[in-house]
All heavy atoms as atom14 arrays in JSON, in Angstrom:
{
  "sequence": "DNIDWIEKYKKSVQPIKVGKFYVRPSWEE",
  "atom14_mask": [
    [1, 1, 1, 1, 1, 1, 1, 1, 0, 0, 0, 0, 0, 0],
    [1, 1, 1, 1, 1, 1, 1, 1, 0, 0, 0, 0, 0, 0],
    [1, 1, 1, 1, 1, 1, 1, 1, 0, 0, 0, 0, 0, 0],
    [1, 1, 1, 1, 1, 1, 1, 1, 0, 0, 0, 0, 0, 0],
    [1, 1, 1, 1, 1, 1, 1, 1, 1, 1, 1, 1, 1, 1],
    [1, 1, 1, 1, 1, 1, 1, 1, 0, 0, 0, 0, 0, 0],
    [1, 1, 1, 1, 1, 1, 1, 1, 1, 0, 0, 0, 0, 0],
    [1, 1, 1, 1, 1, 1, 1, 1, 1, 0, 0, 0, 0, 0],
    [1, 1, 1, 1, 1, 1, 1, 1, 1, 1, 1, 1, 0, 0],
    [1, 1, 1, 1, 1, 1, 1, 1, 1, 0, 0, 0, 0, 0],
    [1, 1, 1, 1, 1, 1, 1, 1, 1, 0, 0, 0, 0, 0],
    [1, 1, 1, 1, 1, 1, 0, 0, 0, 0, 0, 0, 0, 0],
    [1, 1, 1, 1, 1, 1, 1, 0, 0, 0, 0, 0, 0, 0],
    [1, 1, 1, 1, 1, 1, 1, 1, 1, 0, 0, 0, 0, 0],
    [1, 1, 1, 1, 1, 1, 1, 0, 0, 0, 0, 0, 0, 0],
    [1, 1, 1, 1, 1, 1, 1, 1, 0, 0, 0, 0, 0, 0],
    [1, 1, 1, 1, 1, 1, 1, 1, 1, 0, 0, 0, 0, 0],
    [1, 1, 1, 1, 1, 1, 1, 0, 0, 0, 0, 0, 0, 0],
    [1, 1, 1, 1, 0, 0, 0, 0, 0, 0, 0, 0, 0, 0],
    [1, 1, 1, 1, 1, 1, 1, 1, 1, 0, 0, 0, 0, 0],
    [1, 1, 1, 1, 1, 1, 1, 1, 1, 1, 1, 0, 0, 0],
    [1, 1, 1, 1, 1, 1, 1, 1, 1, 1, 1, 1, 0, 0],
    [1, 1, 1, 1, 1, 1, 1, 0, 0, 0, 0, 0, 0, 0],
    [1, 1, 1, 1, 1, 1, 1, 1, 1, 1, 1, 0, 0, 0],
    [1, 1, 1, 1, 1, 1, 1, 0, 0, 0, 0, 0, 0, 0],
    [1, 1, 1, 1, 1, 1, 0, 0, 0, 0, 0, 0, 0, 0],
    [1, 1, 1, 1, 1, 1, 1, 1, 1, 1, 1, 1, 1, 1],
    [1, 1, 1, 1, 1, 1, 1, 1, 1, 0, 0, 0, 0, 0],
    [1, 1, 1, 1, 1, 1, 1, 1, 1, 0, 0, 0, 0, 0]
  ],
  "atom14_positions": [
    [[0.86, -1.06, -0.01], [-0.01, -0.02, 0.04], [0.82, 1.17, -0.05], [1.99, 1.23, 0.7], [-0.91, 0.05, 1.26], [-1.98, -1.0, 1.19], [-2.26, -1.46, 0.17], [-2.33, -1.46, 2.27], [0.0, 0.0, 0.0], [0.0, 0.0, 0.0], [0.0, 0.0, 0.0], [0.0, 0.0, 0.0], [0.0, 0.0, 0.0], [0.0, 0.0, 0.0]],
    [[0.52, 2.23, -0.73], [1.38, 3.24, -1.03], [1.21, 4.36, 0.17], [0.57, 5.48, -0.01], [1.07, 4.09, -2.32], [2.16, 4.82, -2.85], [3.14, 5.06, -2.27], [2.15, 5.33, -4.22], [0.0, 0.0, 0.0], [0.0, 0.0, 0.0], [0.0, 0.0, 0.0], [0.0, 0.0, 0.0], [0.0, 0.0, 0.0], [0.0, 0.0, 0.0]],
    [[1.83, 4.1, 1.28], [1.92, 5.23, 2.3], [3.02, 6.12, 1.79], [3.76, 5.88, 0.86], [2.37, 4.45, 3.63], [3.79, 3.85, 3.64], [1.28, 3.62, 4.08], [4.25, 3.35, 4.83], [0.0, 0.0, 0.0], [0.0, 0.0, 0.0], [0.0, 0.0, 0.0], [0.0, 0.0, 0.0], [0.0, 0.0, 0.0], [0.0, 0.0, 0.0]],
    [[3.27, 7.21, 2.58], [4.31, 8.16, 2.15], [5.53, 7.77, 2.65], [6.09, 8.17, 3.67], [3.96, 9.64, 2.83], [4.65, 10.7, 2.14], [5.69, 10.5, 1.43], [4.46, 11.79, 2.36], [0.0, 0.0, 0.0], [0.0, 0.0, 0.0], [0.0, 0.0, 0.0], [0.0, 0.0, 0.0], [0.0, 0.0, 0.0], [0.0, 0.0, 0.0]],
    [[6.19, 6.85, 1.91], [7.4, 6.27, 2.4], [8.64, 7.14, 2.21], [9.68, 6.96, 2.98], [7.85, 4.93, 1.69], [7.6, 4.88, 0.21], [6.46, 4.51, -0.54], [8.57, 5.27, -0.77], [6.78, 4.74, -1.96], [8.1, 5.13, -1.98], [10.02, 5.65, -0.73], [8.76, 5.33, -3.25], [10.63, 5.92, -1.85], [10.14, 5.72, -3.09]],
    [[8.58, 8.28, 1.5], [9.61, 9.22, 1.41], [9.76, 9.82, 2.65], [10.83, 10.05, 3.29], [9.52, 10.22, 0.23], [9.65, 9.49, -1.14], [10.4, 11.33, 0.4], [11.05, 9.08, -1.37], [0.0, 0.0, 0.0], [0.0, 0.0, 0.0], [0.0, 0.0, 0.0], [0.0, 0.0, 0.0], [0.0, 0.0, 0.0], [0.0, 0.0, 0.0]],
    [[8.57, 10.37, 3.22], [8.69, 11.05, 4.58], [8.99, 10.04, 5.67], [9.76, 10.42, 6.62], [7.19, 11.5, 4.89], [6.73, 12.61, 4.08], [7.76, 13.95, 4.24], [8.09, 14.08, 5.26], [8.01, 14.51, 3.21], [0.0, 0.0, 0.0], [0.0, 0.0, 0.0], [0.0, 0.0, 0.0], [0.0, 0.0, 0.0], [0.0, 0.0, 0.0]],
    [[8.64, 8.74, 5.52], [9.13, 7.83, 6.62], [10.68, 7.68, 6.56], [11.28, 7.48, 7.48], [8.5, 6.45, 6.3], [8.64, 5.37, 7.23], [7.92, 4.13, 6.89], [8.29, 2.99, 7.84], [7.5, 1.76, 7.54], [0.0, 0.0, 0.0], [0.0, 0.0, 0.0], [0.0, 0.0, 0.0], [0.0, 0.0, 0.0], [0.0, 0.0, 0.0]],
    [[11.1, 7.6, 5.23], [12.62, 7.45, 5.14], [13.39, 8.71, 5.69], [14.32, 8.61, 6.25], [12.89, 7.39, 3.51], [14.41, 7.23, 3.23], [15.28, 6.41, 3.95], [15.0, 7.95, 2.26], [16.59, 6.37, 3.56], [16.27, 7.99, 1.93], [17.03, 7.06, 2.64], [18.38, 7.02, 2.27], [0.0, 0.0, 0.0], [0.0, 0.0, 0.0]],
    [[12.74, 9.75, 5.51], [13.42, 11.1, 5.88], [13.59, 11.0, 7.48], [14.7, 11.47, 7.95], [12.59, 12.3, 5.68], [12.67, 12.83, 4.2], [11.79, 14.03, 4.05], [11.82, 14.58, 2.57], [11.12, 15.77, 2.55], [0.0, 0.0, 0.0], [0.0, 0.0, 0.0], [0.0, 0.0, 0.0], [0.0, 0.0, 0.0], [0.0, 0.0, 0.0]],
    [[12.66, 10.44, 8.15], [12.83, 10.29, 9.62], [13.98, 9.47, 10.09], [14.5, 9.57, 11.17], [11.57, 9.81, 10.22], [10.42, 10.86, 10.0], [9.21, 10.24, 10.5], [7.99, 11.26, 10.37], [6.58, 10.63, 10.92], [0.0, 0.0, 0.0], [0.0, 0.0, 0.0], [0.0, 0.0, 0.0], [0.0, 0.0, 0.0], [0.0, 0.0, 0.0]],
    [[14.5, 8.47, 9.12], [15.51, 7.6, 9.53], [16.87, 8.25, 9.18], [17.96, 7.6, 9.6], [15.34, 6.34, 8.81], [15.66, 6.44, 7.37], [0.0, 0.0, 0.0], [0.0, 0.0, 0.0], [0.0, 0.0, 0.0], [0.0, 0.0, 0.0], [0.0, 0.0, 0.0], [0.0, 0.0, 0.0], [0.0, 0.0, 0.0], [0.0, 0.0, 0.0]],
    [[17.0, 9.29, 8.52], [18.3, 9.87, 8.03], [18.73, 10.95, 9.06], [18.18, 11.87, 9.29], [18.11, 10.59, 6.6], [19.49, 11.16, 6.24], [17.72, 9.53, 5.59], [0.0, 0.0, 0.0], [0.0, 0.0, 0.0], [0.0, 0.0, 0.0], [0.0, 0.0, 0.0], [0.0, 0.0, 0.0], [0.0, 0.0, 0.0], [0.0, 0.0, 0.0]],
    [[19.97, 10.74, 9.64], [20.54, 11.45, 10.74], [21.69, 12.32, 10.17], [22.41, 11.83, 9.3], [20.92, 10.51, 11.86], [19.8, 9.74, 12.6], [18.81, 10.76, 13.08], [19.05, 11.72, 13.76], [17.58, 10.39, 12.82], [0.0, 0.0, 0.0], [0.0, 0.0, 0.0], [0.0, 0.0, 0.0], [0.0, 0.0, 0.0], [0.0, 0.0, 0.0]],
    [[21.96, 13.48, 10.71], [23.1, 14.33, 10.34], [24.31, 13.63, 10.91], [24.33, 12.69, 11.69], [22.86, 15.66, 11.21], [21.44, 15.63, 11.64], [21.08, 14.14, 11.68], [0.0, 0.0, 0.0], [0.0, 0.0, 0.0], [0.0, 0.0, 0.0], [0.0, 0.0, 0.0], [0.0, 0.0, 0.0], [0.0, 0.0, 0.0], [0.0, 0.0, 0.0]],
    [[25.54, 13.97, 10.26], [26.78, 13.26, 10.76], [27.83, 14.4, 10.66], [27.97, 15.21, 9.74], [27.04, 12.07, 9.89], [28.25, 11.3, 10.31], [27.17, 12.61, 8.37], [28.5, 10.07, 9.47], [0.0, 0.0, 0.0], [0.0, 0.0, 0.0], [0.0, 0.0, 0.0], [0.0, 0.0, 0.0], [0.0, 0.0, 0.0], [0.0, 0.0, 0.0]],
    [[28.71, 14.34, 11.79], [29.89, 15.12, 11.87], [31.1, 14.31, 11.36], [31.43, 13.3, 11.88], [30.15, 15.63, 13.3], [31.25, 16.51, 13.52], [31.22, 17.86, 12.93], [32.25, 18.76, 13.45], [33.6, 18.37, 13.02], [0.0, 0.0, 0.0], [0.0, 0.0, 0.0], [0.0, 0.0, 0.0], [0.0, 0.0, 0.0], [0.0, 0.0, 0.0]],
    [[31.78, 14.82, 10.27], [32.9, 14.15, 9.75], [34.04, 15.12, 9.56], [33.93, 16.15, 8.75], [32.73, 13.57, 8.4], [33.89, 12.65, 7.97], [31.49, 12.69, 8.37], [0.0, 0.0, 0.0], [0.0, 0.0, 0.0], [0.0, 0.0, 0.0], [0.0, 0.0, 0.0], [0.0, 0.0, 0.0], [0.0, 0.0, 0.0], [0.0, 0.0, 0.0]],
    [[35.17, 15.05, 10.41], [36.27, 16.05, 10.24], [35.75, 17.39, 10.39], [35.08, 17.79, 11.37], [0.0, 0.0, 0.0], [0.0, 0.0, 0.0], [0.0, 0.0, 0.0], [0.0, 0.0, 0.0], [0.0, 0.0, 0.0], [0.0, 0.0, 0.0], [0.0, 0.0, 0.0], [0.0, 0.0, 0.0], [0.0, 0.0, 0.0], [0.0, 0.0, 0.0]],
    [[35.94, 18.37, 9.41], [35.61, 19.71, 9.51], [34.08, 19.95, 9.13], [33.8, 21.11, 9.26], [36.53, 20.55, 8.62], [38.05, 20.6, 9.01], [38.8, 21.29, 8.03], [40.29, 21.34, 8.43], [41.19, 22.07, 7.49], [0.0, 0.0, 0.0], [0.0, 0.0, 0.0], [0.0, 0.0, 0.0], [0.0, 0.0, 0.0], [0.0, 0.0, 0.0]],
    [[33.5, 18.91, 8.73], [32.21, 19.06, 8.06], [30.96, 18.53, 8.93], [31.16, 17.55, 9.64], [32.2, 18.3, 6.69], [33.18, 18.71, 5.83], [34.33, 17.98, 5.63], [33.26, 20.04, 5.18], [35.47, 18.36, 4.77], [34.27, 20.3, 4.28], [35.41, 19.55, 4.2], [0.0, 0.0, 0.0], [0.0, 0.0, 0.0], [0.0, 0.0, 0.0]],
    [[29.81, 19.11, 8.72], [28.69, 18.71, 9.35], [27.69, 18.48, 8.25], [27.17, 19.38, 7.57], [28.04, 19.77, 10.4], [26.81, 19.2, 11.12], [27.07, 18.38, 12.3], [25.56, 19.44, 10.73], [26.09, 17.93, 12.97], [24.45, 19.08, 11.43], [24.74, 18.26, 12.58], [23.53, 17.8, 13.33], [0.0, 0.0, 0.0], [0.0, 0.0, 0.0]],
    [[27.36, 17.18, 7.93], [26.56, 16.81, 6.79], [25.13, 16.51, 7.31], [24.88, 15.65, 8.1], [27.15, 15.49, 5.93], [26.34, 15.3, 4.79], [28.63, 15.86, 5.71], [0.0, 0.0, 0.0], [0.0, 0.0, 0.0], [0.0, 0.0, 0.0], [0.0, 0.0, 0.0], [0.0, 0.0, 0.0], [0.0, 0.0, 0.0], [0.0, 0.0, 0.0]],
    [[24.15, 17.14, 6.65], [22.79, 16.98, 7.16], [21.74, 17.02, 5.93], [22.06, 17.78, 5.0], [22.41, 18.12, 8.15], [22.46, 19.39, 7.61], [22.22, 20.57, 8.58], [22.32, 22.02, 8.01], [21.36, 22.68, 7.61], [20.09, 22.15, 7.57], [21.52, 23.91, 7.06], [0.0, 0.0, 0.0], [0.0, 0.0, 0.0], [0.0, 0.0, 0.0]],
    [[20.76, 16.49, 6.14], [19.55, 16.66, 5.26], [18.92, 18.04, 5.47], [19.26, 18.65, 6.51], [18.59, 15.53, 5.6], [18.79, 15.14, 7.09], [20.29, 15.42, 7.2], [0.0, 0.0, 0.0], [0.0, 0.0, 0.0], [0.0, 0.0, 0.0], [0.0, 0.0, 0.0], [0.0, 0.0, 0.0], [0.0, 0.0, 0.0], [0.0, 0.0, 0.0]],
    [[18.26, 18.64, 4.58], [17.68, 20.03, 4.67], [16.77, 20.2, 5.86], [16.49, 21.36, 6.22], [17.14, 20.48, 3.3], [16.05, 19.65, 2.82], [0.0, 0.0, 0.0], [0.0, 0.0, 0.0], [0.0, 0.0, 0.0], [0.0, 0.0, 0.0], [0.0, 0.0, 0.0], [0.0, 0.0, 0.0], [0.0, 0.0, 0.0], [0.0, 0.0, 0.0]],
    [[16.12, 19.15, 6.3], [15.05, 19.26, 7.36], [15.62, 19.26, 8.66], [14.92, 19.28, 9.69], [13.97, 18.22, 7.13], [14.53, 16.81, 7.08], [14.77, 15.97, 8.1], [14.87, 16.0, 5.97], [15.16, 14.66, 7.77], [15.29, 14.81, 6.39], [14.81, 16.36, 4.64], [15.77, 13.82, 5.54], [15.25, 15.31, 3.77], [15.7, 14.07, 4.14]],
    [[17.03, 19.08, 8.77], [17.73, 19.16, 10.1], [18.38, 20.4, 10.33], [18.69, 21.08, 9.34], [18.73, 17.97, 10.18], [18.12, 16.53, 10.14], [17.55, 16.24, 11.51], [17.67, 16.94, 12.6], [16.81, 15.16, 11.61], [0.0, 0.0, 0.0], [0.0, 0.0, 0.0], [0.0, 0.0, 0.0], [0.0, 0.0, 0.0], [0.0, 0.0, 0.0]],
    [[18.58, 20.82, 11.57], [19.12, 22.11, 11.95], [20.68, 22.02, 11.58], [21.27, 21.0, 11.7], [18.87, 22.33, 13.42], [17.48, 22.71, 13.67], [16.95, 23.9, 12.92], [17.75, 24.92, 12.8], [15.71, 23.96, 12.5], [0.0, 0.0, 0.0], [0.0, 0.0, 0.0], [0.0, 0.0, 0.0], [0.0, 0.0, 0.0], [0.0, 0.0, 0.0]]
  ]
}
């Protein structure tokens, strides 16, 4: 059944700090 799986996936993606960089999806601070 076609639930909004893109939104569900977004909730599972976390920001990450690597070296000098902070990599994040646009919906994270």
